[in-house]
Amino acid sequence: MRENIHPNYNATTISCACGKVYHTRSTRKDLQIGICAGCHPFFTGEQKFIDTAGRIEKFSRRFGTAGGLARKRS
């Protein structure tokens, strides 16, 4: 086999924004992530709904409610 073609794997820590820390091996050192299995809604079973700047209300005002969107046939 050829030598010096494979990357070097080193022990590293992966830190999440929620504070959870994972220890693993990687080609990179000390990774920081924004969301992990400890805080992701799919894995926790909690559904967090964040409506930034009232986007749903803005959509409802522009286009009406879901019942008002149906076309009437004549």
Protein backbone atom coordinates (compact mmCIF):
# COMPACT_ATOMS: atom_id res chain seq x y z
CA MET A 1 0.00 0.00 0.00
CA ARG A 2 1.04 3.56 -0.55
CA GLU A 3 2.19 5.47 2.48
CA ASN A 4 1.10 8.94 3.64
CA ILE A 5 -2.21 9.02 1.72
CA HIS A 6 -4.60 8.62 4.65
CA PRO A 7 -5.56 11.50 6.94
CA ASN A 8 -4.47 11.52 10.56
CA TYR A 9 -7.30 10.85 12.99
CA ASN A 10 -6.92 12.52 16.36
CA ALA A 11 -9.01 12.55 19.51
CA THR A 12 -11.34 15.55 19.42
CA THR A 13 -14.27 17.05 21.29
CA ILE A 14 -17.49 18.20 19.66
CA SER A 15 -19.25 20.93 21.65
CA CYS A 16 -22.89 21.87 21.07
CA ALA A 17 -24.46 25.25 21.76
CA CYS A 18 -26.69 23.56 24.39
CA GLY A 19 -23.60 22.55 26.38
CA LYS A 20 -23.42 18.84 25.53
CA VAL A 21 -19.93 17.54 24.71
CA TYR A 22 -19.07 14.49 22.62
CA HIS A 23 -15.65 12.85 22.56
CA THR A 24 -14.71 11.12 19.32
CA ARG A 25 -12.00 10.93 16.67
CA SER A 26 -11.80 13.18 13.64
CA THR A 27 -9.42 14.79 11.19
CA ARG A 28 -10.30 18.16 12.73
CA LYS A 29 -9.72 19.44 16.26
CA ASP A 30 -12.36 20.77 18.68
CA LEU A 31 -15.53 21.19 16.60
CA GLN A 32 -18.40 23.45 17.67
CA ILE A 33 -21.92 22.76 16.38
CA GLY A 34 -25.21 24.61 16.76
CA ILE A 35 -27.56 21.67 17.33
CA CYS A 36 -27.03 18.06 18.39
CA ALA A 37 -29.03 14.94 19.24
CA GLY A 38 -29.37 16.22 22.80
CA CYS A 39 -31.29 19.35 21.80
CA HIS A 40 -32.76 18.60 18.34
CA PRO A 41 -36.59 18.45 18.44
CA PHE A 42 -36.73 15.20 16.45
CA PHE A 43 -34.70 13.33 19.06
CA THR A 44 -36.08 15.03 22.17
CA GLY A 45 -39.74 14.78 21.19
CA GLU A 46 -40.30 18.44 21.99
CA GLN A 47 -41.51 20.73 19.28
CA LYS A 48 -40.30 24.28 19.68
CA PHE A 49 -42.04 26.79 17.51
CA ILE A 50 -40.33 30.11 17.00
CA ASP A 51 -42.15 32.75 15.02
CA THR A 52 -39.65 35.45 14.22
CA ALA A 53 -41.13 38.88 13.58
CA GLY A 54 -44.72 37.59 13.29
CA ARG A 55 -44.26 35.91 9.93
CA ILE A 56 -47.33 33.70 10.31
CA GLU A 57 -49.56 36.66 11.15
CA LYS A 58 -48.12 38.57 8.19
CA PHE A 59 -48.86 35.62 5.88
CA SER A 60 -52.40 35.30 7.26
CA ARG A 61 -53.09 38.99 6.71
CA ARG A 62 -51.83 38.88 3.13
CA PHE A 63 -53.45 35.65 2.01
CA GLY A 64 -56.22 35.01 4.53
CA THR A 65 -56.81 31.83 6.46
CA ALA A 66 -56.53 28.33 5.03
CA GLY A 67 -60.33 28.08 4.62
CA GLY A 68 -60.43 31.29 2.59
CA LEU A 69 -57.92 30.08 0.04
CA ALA A 70 -60.25 27.52 -1.59
CA ARG A 71 -61.70 28.59 -4.94
CA LYS A 72 -65.41 28.58 -5.44
CA ARG A 73 -66.59 26.83 -8.57
CA SER A 74 -69.46 28.40 -10.46
